[in-house]
Amino acid sequence: MLDVVHKLIRCFGLTTSSSKIYVDASNPNFIRALKMQIGESEDFDQKLDTKSKFPKYDWTTQMLVIPGNFAQEHKKMLLNAKMIF
């Protein structure tokens, strides 16, 4: 699965700071492996702790692979996808 995701990242050129890859946070091992594969820091747990301590801080600006809780955010994500299409 990592190879497929990495191939998609290269295919669509998702390596810039304006691109974001949202991954379900239910599998932190996959997130760490993906971050290591693309050369990103894998300490997303610390950045998520920063989010709870500093709610106005935009922690997503420093990450390409962003873990998200799809169970809580699914409606918002579907609405955004619908607007894009």
PDB file of N, CA and C in Angstrom:
ATOM      1  N   MET A   1       0.819  -1.194   0.000  1.00  0.00           N
ATOM      2  CA  MET A   1       0.000   0.000   0.000  1.00  0.00           C
ATOM      3  C   MET A   1       0.864   1.259   0.000  1.00  0.00           C
ATOM      4  N   LEU A   2       1.979   1.202   0.718  1.00  0.00           N
ATOM      5  CA  LEU A   2       2.876   2.363   0.736  1.00  0.00           C
ATOM      6  C   LEU A   2       3.397   2.678  -0.655  1.00  0.00           C
ATOM      7  N   ASP A   3       3.712   1.644  -1.405  1.00  0.00           N
ATOM      8  CA  ASP A   3       4.218   1.863  -2.757  1.00  0.00           C
ATOM      9  C   ASP A   3       3.177   2.539  -3.638  1.00  0.00           C
ATOM     10  N   VAL A   4       1.918   2.136  -3.494  1.00  0.00           N
ATOM     11  CA  VAL A   4       0.839   2.739  -4.289  1.00  0.00           C
ATOM     12  C   VAL A   4       0.683   4.212  -3.938  1.00  0.00           C
ATOM     13  N   VAL A   5       0.677   4.521  -2.651  1.00  0.00           N
ATOM     14  CA  VAL A   5       0.526   5.916  -2.223  1.00  0.00           C
ATOM     15  C   VAL A   5       1.724   6.743  -2.674  1.00  0.00           C
ATOM     16  N   HIS A   6       2.918   6.197  -2.543  1.00  0.00           N
ATOM     17  CA  HIS A   6       4.114   6.931  -2.954  1.00  0.00           C
ATOM     18  C   HIS A   6       4.106   7.169  -4.465  1.00  0.00           C
ATOM     19  N   LYS A   7       3.639   6.200  -5.229  1.00  0.00           N
ATOM     20  CA  LYS A   7       3.537   6.357  -6.681  1.00  0.00           C
ATOM     21  C   LYS A   7       2.538   7.472  -7.037  1.00  0.00           C
ATOM     22  N   LEU A   8       1.422   7.517  -6.324  1.00  0.00           N
ATOM     23  CA  LEU A   8       0.436   8.582  -6.552  1.00  0.00           C
ATOM     24  C   LEU A   8       0.998   9.958  -6.199  1.00  0.00           C
ATOM     25  N   ILE A   9       1.772  10.031  -5.127  1.00  0.00           N
ATOM     26  CA  ILE A   9       2.396  11.298  -4.728  1.00  0.00           C
ATOM     27  C   ILE A   9       3.319  11.801  -5.832  1.00  0.00           C
ATOM     28  N   ARG A  10       4.133  10.901  -6.381  1.00  0.00           N
ATOM     29  CA  ARG A  10       5.034  11.288  -7.466  1.00  0.00           C
ATOM     30  C   ARG A  10       4.279  11.624  -8.741  1.00  0.00           C
ATOM     31  N   CYS A  11       3.253  10.834  -9.046  1.00  0.00           N
ATOM     32  CA  CYS A  11       2.486  11.018 -10.276  1.00  0.00           C
ATOM     33  C   CYS A  11       1.803  12.388 -10.313  1.00  0.00           C
ATOM     34  N   PHE A  12       1.243  12.796  -9.187  1.00  0.00           N
ATOM     35  CA  PHE A  12       0.515  14.061  -9.138  1.00  0.00           C
ATOM     36  C   PHE A  12       1.364  15.220  -8.624  1.00  0.00           C
ATOM     37  N   GLY A  13       2.632  14.978  -8.328  1.00  0.00           N
ATOM     38  CA  GLY A  13       3.531  16.040  -7.895  1.00  0.00           C
ATOM     39  C   GLY A  13       3.148  16.654  -6.564  1.00  0.00           C
ATOM     40  N   LEU A  14       2.744  15.839  -5.621  1.00  0.00           N
ATOM     41  CA  LEU A  14       2.299  16.338  -4.323  1.00  0.00           C
ATOM     42  C   LEU A  14       3.469  16.475  -3.356  1.00  0.00           C
ATOM     43  N   THR A  15       4.429  17.292  -3.716  1.00  0.00           N
ATOM     44  CA  THR A  15       5.591  17.468  -2.855  1.00  0.00           C
ATOM     45  C   THR A  15       5.771  18.908  -2.418  1.00  0.00           C
ATOM     46  N   THR A  16       4.869  19.773  -2.820  1.00  0.00           N
ATOM     47  CA  THR A  16       5.000  21.180  -2.458  1.00  0.00           C
ATOM     48  C   THR A  16       4.249  21.464  -1.171  1.00  0.00           C
ATOM     49  N   SER A  17       4.521  22.606  -0.584  1.00  0.00           N
ATOM     50  CA  SER A  17       3.859  22.963   0.668  1.00  0.00           C
ATOM     51  C   SER A  17       2.383  23.273   0.470  1.00  0.00           C
ATOM     52  N   SER A  18       1.960  23.557  -0.762  1.00  0.00           N
ATOM     53  CA  SER A  18       0.546  23.839  -1.001  1.00  0.00           C
ATOM     54  C   SER A  18      -0.276  22.560  -1.153  1.00  0.00           C
ATOM     55  N   SER A  19       0.383  21.432  -1.338  1.00  0.00           N
ATOM     56  CA  SER A  19      -0.307  20.143  -1.454  1.00  0.00           C
ATOM     57  C   SER A  19      -0.395  19.490  -0.084  1.00  0.00           C
ATOM     58  N   LYS A  20      -1.491  18.833   0.180  1.00  0.00           N
ATOM     59  CA  LYS A  20      -1.667  18.120   1.442  1.00  0.00           C
ATOM     60  C   LYS A  20      -2.228  16.738   1.160  1.00  0.00           C
ATOM     61  N   ILE A  21      -1.794  15.763   1.933  1.00  0.00           N
ATOM     62  CA  ILE A  21      -2.273  14.398   1.827  1.00  0.00           C
ATOM     63  C   ILE A  21      -2.898  14.044   3.169  1.00  0.00           C
ATOM     64  N   TYR A  22      -4.197  13.833   3.168  1.00  0.00           N
ATOM     65  CA  TYR A  22      -4.910  13.500   4.396  1.00  0.00           C
ATOM     66  C   TYR A  22      -5.013  11.987   4.517  1.00  0.00           C
ATOM     67  N   VAL A  23      -4.601  11.480   5.683  1.00  0.00           N
ATOM     68  CA  VAL A  23      -4.578  10.050   5.951  1.00  0.00           C
ATOM     69  C   VAL A  23      -5.368   9.804   7.231  1.00  0.00           C
ATOM     70  N   ASP A  24      -6.141   8.723   7.248  1.00  0.00           N
ATOM     71  CA  ASP A  24      -6.906   8.380   8.439  1.00  0.00           C
ATOM     72  C   ASP A  24      -5.955   8.095   9.599  1.00  0.00           C
ATOM     73  N   ALA A  25      -6.184   8.738  10.714  1.00  0.00           N
ATOM     74  CA  ALA A  25      -5.297   8.635  11.868  1.00  0.00           C
ATOM     75  C   ALA A  25      -5.454   7.324  12.629  1.00  0.00           C
ATOM     76  N   SER A  26      -6.316   6.444  12.172  1.00  0.00           N
ATOM     77  CA  SER A  26      -6.530   5.185  12.883  1.00  0.00           C
ATOM     78  C   SER A  26      -5.353   4.224  12.746  1.00  0.00           C
ATOM     79  N   ASN A  27      -4.436   4.493  11.820  1.00  0.00           N
ATOM     80  CA  ASN A  27      -3.277   3.620  11.630  1.00  0.00           C
ATOM     81  C   ASN A  27      -1.991   4.450  11.695  1.00  0.00           C
ATOM     82  N   PRO A  28      -1.520   4.767  12.901  1.00  0.00           N
ATOM     83  CA  PRO A  28      -0.323   5.610  13.035  1.00  0.00           C
ATOM     84  C   PRO A  28       0.937   4.981  12.457  1.00  0.00           C
ATOM     85  N   ASN A  29       1.021   3.647  12.424  1.00  0.00           N
ATOM     86  CA  ASN A  29       2.205   3.001  11.837  1.00  0.00           C
ATOM     87  C   ASN A  29       2.299   3.279  10.348  1.00  0.00           C
ATOM     88  N   PHE A  30       1.167   3.272   9.652  1.00  0.00           N
ATOM     89  CA  PHE A  30       1.150   3.594   8.228  1.00  0.00           C
ATOM     90  C   PHE A  30       1.559   5.045   8.007  1.00  0.00           C
ATOM     91  N   ILE A  31       1.080   5.934   8.851  1.00  0.00           N
ATOM     92  CA  ILE A  31       1.418   7.359   8.724  1.00  0.00           C
ATOM     93  C   ILE A  31       2.916   7.561   8.903  1.00  0.00           C
ATOM     94  N   ARG A  32       3.486   6.933   9.926  1.00  0.00           N
ATOM     95  CA  ARG A  32       4.929   7.059  10.161  1.00  0.00           C
ATOM     96  C   ARG A  32       5.730   6.508   8.979  1.00  0.00           C
ATOM     97  N   ALA A  33       5.313   5.351   8.472  1.00  0.00           N
ATOM     98  CA  ALA A  33       6.030   4.744   7.344  1.00  0.00           C
ATOM     99  C   ALA A  33       5.936   5.624   6.108  1.00  0.00           C
ATOM    100  N   LEU A  34       4.773   6.208   5.853  1.00  0.00           N
ATOM    101  CA  LEU A  34       4.609   7.091   4.698  1.00  0.00           C
ATOM    102  C   LEU A  34       5.448   8.348   4.857  1.00  0.00           C
ATOM    103  N   LYS A  35       5.447   8.920   6.045  1.00  0.00           N
ATOM    104  CA  LYS A  35       6.256  10.113   6.290  1.00  0.00           C
ATOM    105  C   LYS A  35       7.745   9.814   6.109  1.00  0.00           C
ATOM    106  N   MET A  36       8.190   8.657   6.584  1.00  0.00           N
ATOM    107  CA  MET A  36       9.590   8.283   6.411  1.00  0.00           C
ATOM    108  C   MET A  36       9.919   8.098   4.935  1.00  0.00           C
ATOM    109  N   GLN A  37       8.995   7.520   4.181  1.00  0.00           N
ATOM    110  CA  GLN A  37       9.240   7.245   2.769  1.00  0.00           C
ATOM    111  C   GLN A  37       9.374   8.528   1.951  1.00  0.00           C
ATOM    112  N   ILE A  38       8.633   9.570   2.314  1.00  0.00           N
ATOM    113  CA  ILE A  38       8.718  10.812   1.552  1.00  0.00           C
ATOM    114  C   ILE A  38       9.722  11.794   2.154  1.00  0.00           C
ATOM    115  N   GLY A  39      10.354  11.399   3.268  1.00  0.00           N
ATOM    116  CA  GLY A  39      11.383  12.238   3.865  1.00  0.00           C
ATOM    117  C   GLY A  39      10.852  13.311   4.795  1.00  0.00           C
ATOM    118  N   GLU A  40       9.678  13.094   5.348  1.00  0.00           N
ATOM    119  CA  GLU A  40       9.089  14.051   6.274  1.00  0.00           C
ATOM    120  C   GLU A  40       9.314  13.569   7.704  1.00  0.00           C
ATOM    121  N   SER A  41       9.390  14.511   8.626  1.00  0.00           N
ATOM    122  CA  SER A  41       9.557  14.171  10.033  1.00  0.00           C
ATOM    123  C   SER A  41       8.354  13.363  10.505  1.00  0.00           C
ATOM    124  N   GLU A  42       8.626  12.290  11.234  1.00  0.00           N
ATOM    125  CA  GLU A  42       7.546  11.399  11.632  1.00  0.00           C
ATOM    126  C   GLU A  42       7.007  11.686  13.032  1.00  0.00           C
ATOM    127  N   ASP A  43       7.302  12.831  13.593  1.00  0.00           N
ATOM    128  CA  ASP A  43       6.860  13.162  14.950  1.00  0.00           C
ATOM    129  C   ASP A  43       5.511  13.888  14.960  1.00  0.00           C
ATOM    130  N   PHE A  44       4.538  13.334  14.239  1.00  0.00           N
ATOM    131  CA  PHE A  44       3.249  14.006  14.137  1.00  0.00           C
ATOM    132  C   PHE A  44       2.503  13.997  15.469  1.00  0.00           C
ATOM    133  N   ASP A  45       2.834  13.059  16.364  1.00  0.00           N
ATOM    134  CA  ASP A  45       2.185  13.033  17.678  1.00  0.00           C
ATOM    135  C   ASP A  45       2.468  14.316  18.446  1.00  0.00           C
ATOM    136  N   GLN A  46       3.698  14.795  18.375  1.00  0.00           N
ATOM    137  CA  GLN A  46       4.061  16.030  19.058  1.00  0.00           C
ATOM    138  C   GLN A  46       3.343  17.225  18.446  1.00  0.00           C
ATOM    139  N   LYS A  47       3.182  17.215  17.132  1.00  0.00           N
ATOM    140  CA  LYS A  47       2.483  18.325  16.481  1.00  0.00           C
ATOM    141  C   LYS A  47       0.997  18.307  16.820  1.00  0.00           C
ATOM    142  N   LEU A  48       0.427  17.119  16.981  1.00  0.00           N
ATOM    143  CA  LEU A  48      -0.969  17.037  17.400  1.00  0.00           C
ATOM    144  C   LEU A  48      -1.135  17.508  18.843  1.00  0.00           C
ATOM    145  N   ASP A  49      -0.128  17.256  19.681  1.00  0.00           N
ATOM    146  CA  ASP A  49      -0.173  17.785  21.047  1.00  0.00           C
ATOM    147  C   ASP A  49      -0.122  19.304  21.029  1.00  0.00           C
ATOM    148  N   THR A  50       0.650  19.871  20.098  1.00  0.00           N
ATOM    149  CA  THR A  50       0.722  21.326  19.947  1.00  0.00           C
ATOM    150  C   THR A  50      -0.649  21.879  19.588  1.00  0.00           C
ATOM    151  N   LYS A  51      -1.399  21.138  18.787  1.00  0.00           N
ATOM    152  CA  LYS A  51      -2.739  21.573  18.379  1.00  0.00           C
ATOM    153  C   LYS A  51      -3.646  21.728  19.587  1.00  0.00           C
ATOM    154  N   SER A  52      -3.557  20.804  20.544  1.00  0.00           N
ATOM    155  CA  SER A  52      -4.421  20.891  21.716  1.00  0.00           C
ATOM    156  C   SER A  52      -3.971  21.993  22.672  1.00  0.00           C
ATOM    157  N   LYS A  53      -2.678  22.265  22.731  1.00  0.00           N
ATOM    158  CA  LYS A  53      -2.171  23.314  23.618  1.00  0.00           C
ATOM    159  C   LYS A  53      -2.354  24.697  23.024  1.00  0.00           C
ATOM    160  N   PHE A  54      -2.201  24.818  21.722  1.00  0.00           N
ATOM    161  CA  PHE A  54      -2.314  26.101  21.023  1.00  0.00           C
ATOM    162  C   PHE A  54      -3.340  25.964  19.901  1.00  0.00           C
ATOM    163  N   PRO A  55      -4.624  26.103  20.208  1.00  0.00           N
ATOM    164  CA  PRO A  55      -5.656  25.846  19.195  1.00  0.00           C
ATOM    165  C   PRO A  55      -5.634  26.790  17.996  1.00  0.00           C
ATOM    166  N   LYS A  56      -5.054  27.978  18.140  1.00  0.00           N
ATOM    167  CA  LYS A  56      -5.010  28.917  17.013  1.00  0.00           C
ATOM    168  C   LYS A  56      -3.808  28.679  16.103  1.00  0.00           C
ATOM    169  N   TYR A  57      -2.886  27.827  16.527  1.00  0.00           N
ATOM    170  CA  TYR A  57      -1.689  27.517  15.738  1.00  0.00           C
ATOM    171  C   TYR A  57      -2.053  26.574  14.602  1.00  0.00           C
ATOM    172  N   ASP A  58      -1.678  26.915  13.381  1.00  0.00           N
ATOM    173  CA  ASP A  58      -1.982  26.079  12.228  1.00  0.00           C
ATOM    174  C   ASP A  58      -0.854  25.072  12.015  1.00  0.00           C
ATOM    175  N   TRP A  59      -0.978  23.910  12.620  1.00  0.00           N
ATOM    176  CA  TRP A  59       0.057  22.889  12.583  1.00  0.00           C
ATOM    177  C   TRP A  59       0.133  22.190  11.239  1.00  0.00           C
ATOM    178  N   THR A  60      -0.853  22.371  10.378  1.00  0.00           N
ATOM    179  CA  THR A  60      -0.843  21.691   9.075  1.00  0.00           C
ATOM    180  C   THR A  60       0.121  22.335   8.092  1.00  0.00           C
ATOM    181  N   THR A  61       0.570  23.547   8.355  1.00  0.00           N
ATOM    182  CA  THR A  61       1.473  24.218   7.428  1.00  0.00           C
ATOM    183  C   THR A  61       2.839  23.544   7.377  1.00  0.00           C
ATOM    184  N   GLN A  62       3.171  22.787   8.390  1.00  0.00           N
ATOM    185  CA  GLN A  62       4.487  22.159   8.454  1.00  0.00           C
ATOM    186  C   GLN A  62       4.488  20.696   8.019  1.00  0.00           C
ATOM    187  N   MET A  63       3.342  20.194   7.571  1.00  0.00           N
ATOM    188  CA  MET A  63       3.262  18.780   7.211  1.00  0.00           C
ATOM    189  C   MET A  63       2.656  18.603   5.825  1.00  0.00           C
ATOM    190  N   LEU A  64       3.169  17.622   5.107  1.00  0.00           N
ATOM    191  CA  LEU A  64       2.583  17.221   3.825  1.00  0.00           C
ATOM    192  C   LEU A  64       1.540  16.130   4.070  1.00  0.00           C
ATOM    193  N   VAL A  65       1.884  15.148   4.896  1.00  0.00           N
ATOM    194  CA  VAL A  65       0.975  14.066   5.263  1.00  0.00           C
ATOM    195  C   VAL A  65       0.308  14.458   6.579  1.00  0.00           C
ATOM    196  N   ILE A  66      -1.011  14.634   6.526  1.00  0.00           N
ATOM    197  CA  ILE A  66      -1.744  15.111   7.694  1.00  0.00           C
ATOM    198  C   ILE A  66      -2.696  14.021   8.176  1.00  0.00           C
ATOM    199  N   PRO A  67      -2.509  13.563   9.427  1.00  0.00           N
ATOM    200  CA  PRO A  67      -3.446  12.585   9.968  1.00  0.00           C
ATOM    201  C   PRO A  67      -4.758  13.266  10.345  1.00  0.00           C
ATOM    202  N   GLY A  68      -5.853  12.604  10.048  1.00  0.00           N
ATOM    203  CA  GLY A  68      -7.156  13.163  10.387  1.00  0.00           C
ATOM    204  C   GLY A  68      -8.092  12.091  10.883  1.00  0.00           C
ATOM    205  N   ASN A  69      -9.031  12.496  11.698  1.00  0.00           N
ATOM    206  CA  ASN A  69     -10.017  11.570  12.224  1.00  0.00           C
ATOM    207  C   ASN A  69     -11.186  11.520  11.252  1.00  0.00           C
ATOM    208  N   PHE A  70     -11.175  10.538  10.370  1.00  0.00           N
ATOM    209  CA  PHE A  70     -12.202  10.441   9.343  1.00  0.00           C
ATOM    210  C   PHE A  70     -13.569  10.155   9.947  1.00  0.00           C
ATOM    211  N   ALA A  71     -13.616   9.504  11.101  1.00  0.00           N
ATOM    212  CA  ALA A  71     -14.899   9.202  11.733  1.00  0.00           C
ATOM    213  C   ALA A  71     -15.628  10.483  12.151  1.00  0.00           C
ATOM    214  N   GLN A  72     -14.884  11.499  12.567  1.00  0.00           N
ATOM    215  CA  GLN A  72     -15.493  12.754  13.000  1.00  0.00           C
ATOM    216  C   GLN A  72     -15.608  13.766  11.869  1.00  0.00           C
ATOM    217  N   GLU A  73     -14.712  13.704  10.905  1.00  0.00           N
ATOM    218  CA  GLU A  73     -14.641  14.723   9.859  1.00  0.00           C
ATOM    219  C   GLU A  73     -15.245  14.278   8.522  1.00  0.00           C
ATOM    220  N   HIS A  74     -15.870  13.113   8.453  1.00  0.00           N
ATOM    221  CA  HIS A  74     -16.299  12.573   7.167  1.00  0.00           C
ATOM    222  C   HIS A  74     -17.320  13.455   6.454  1.00  0.00           C
ATOM    223  N   LYS A  75     -18.239  14.062   7.165  1.00  0.00           N
ATOM    224  CA  LYS A  75     -19.242  14.909   6.512  1.00  0.00           C
ATOM    225  C   LYS A  75     -18.592  16.141   5.876  1.00  0.00           C
ATOM    226  N   LYS A  76     -17.705  16.757   6.621  1.00  0.00           N
ATOM    227  CA  LYS A  76     -17.002  17.944   6.119  1.00  0.00           C
ATOM    228  C   LYS A  76     -16.135  17.578   4.900  1.00  0.00           C
ATOM    229  N   MET A  77     -15.470  16.435   4.968  1.00  0.00           N
ATOM    230  CA  MET A  77     -14.609  16.010   3.868  1.00  0.00           C
ATOM    231  C   MET A  77     -15.430  15.698   2.618  1.00  0.00           C
ATOM    232  N   LEU A  78     -16.577  15.050   2.786  1.00  0.00           N
ATOM    233  CA  LEU A  78     -17.431  14.757   1.636  1.00  0.00           C
ATOM    234  C   LEU A  78     -17.979  16.034   1.008  1.00  0.00           C
ATOM    235  N   LEU A  79     -18.335  17.013   1.835  1.00  0.00           N
ATOM    236  CA  LEU A  79     -18.815  18.287   1.293  1.00  0.00           C
ATOM    237  C   LEU A  79     -17.722  18.987   0.493  1.00  0.00           C
ATOM    238  N   ASN A  80     -16.500  18.963   0.997  1.00  0.00           N
ATOM    239  CA  ASN A  80     -15.387  19.572   0.274  1.00  0.00           C
ATOM    240  C   ASN A  80     -15.137  18.857  -1.055  1.00  0.00           C
ATOM    241  N   ALA A  81     -15.193  17.527  -1.035  1.00  0.00           N
ATOM    242  CA  ALA A  81     -14.993  16.754  -2.272  1.00  0.00           C
ATOM    243  C   ALA A  81     -16.100  17.072  -3.289  1.00  0.00           C
ATOM    244  N   LYS A  82     -17.319  17.197  -2.791  1.00  0.00           N
ATOM    245  CA  LYS A  82     -18.445  17.524  -3.672  1.00  0.00           C
ATOM    246  C   LYS A  82     -18.260  18.897  -4.321  1.00  0.00           C
ATOM    247  N   MET A  83     -17.751  19.852  -3.551  1.00  0.00           N
ATOM    248  CA  MET A  83     -17.515  21.201  -4.084  1.00  0.00           C
ATOM    249  C   MET A  83     -16.411  21.175  -5.147  1.00  0.00           C
ATOM    250  N   ILE A  84     -15.405  20.358  -4.960  1.00  0.00           N
ATOM    251  CA  ILE A  84     -14.298  20.268  -5.909  1.00  0.00           C
ATOM    252  C   ILE A  84     -14.778  19.670  -7.226  1.00  0.00           C
ATOM    253  N   PHE A  85     -15.580  18.608  -7.145  1.00  0.00           N
ATOM    254  CA  PHE A  85     -16.070  17.955  -8.348  1.00  0.00           C
ATOM    255  C   PHE A  85     -17.179  18.754  -8.980  1.00  0.00           C
TER     256      PHE A  85
END
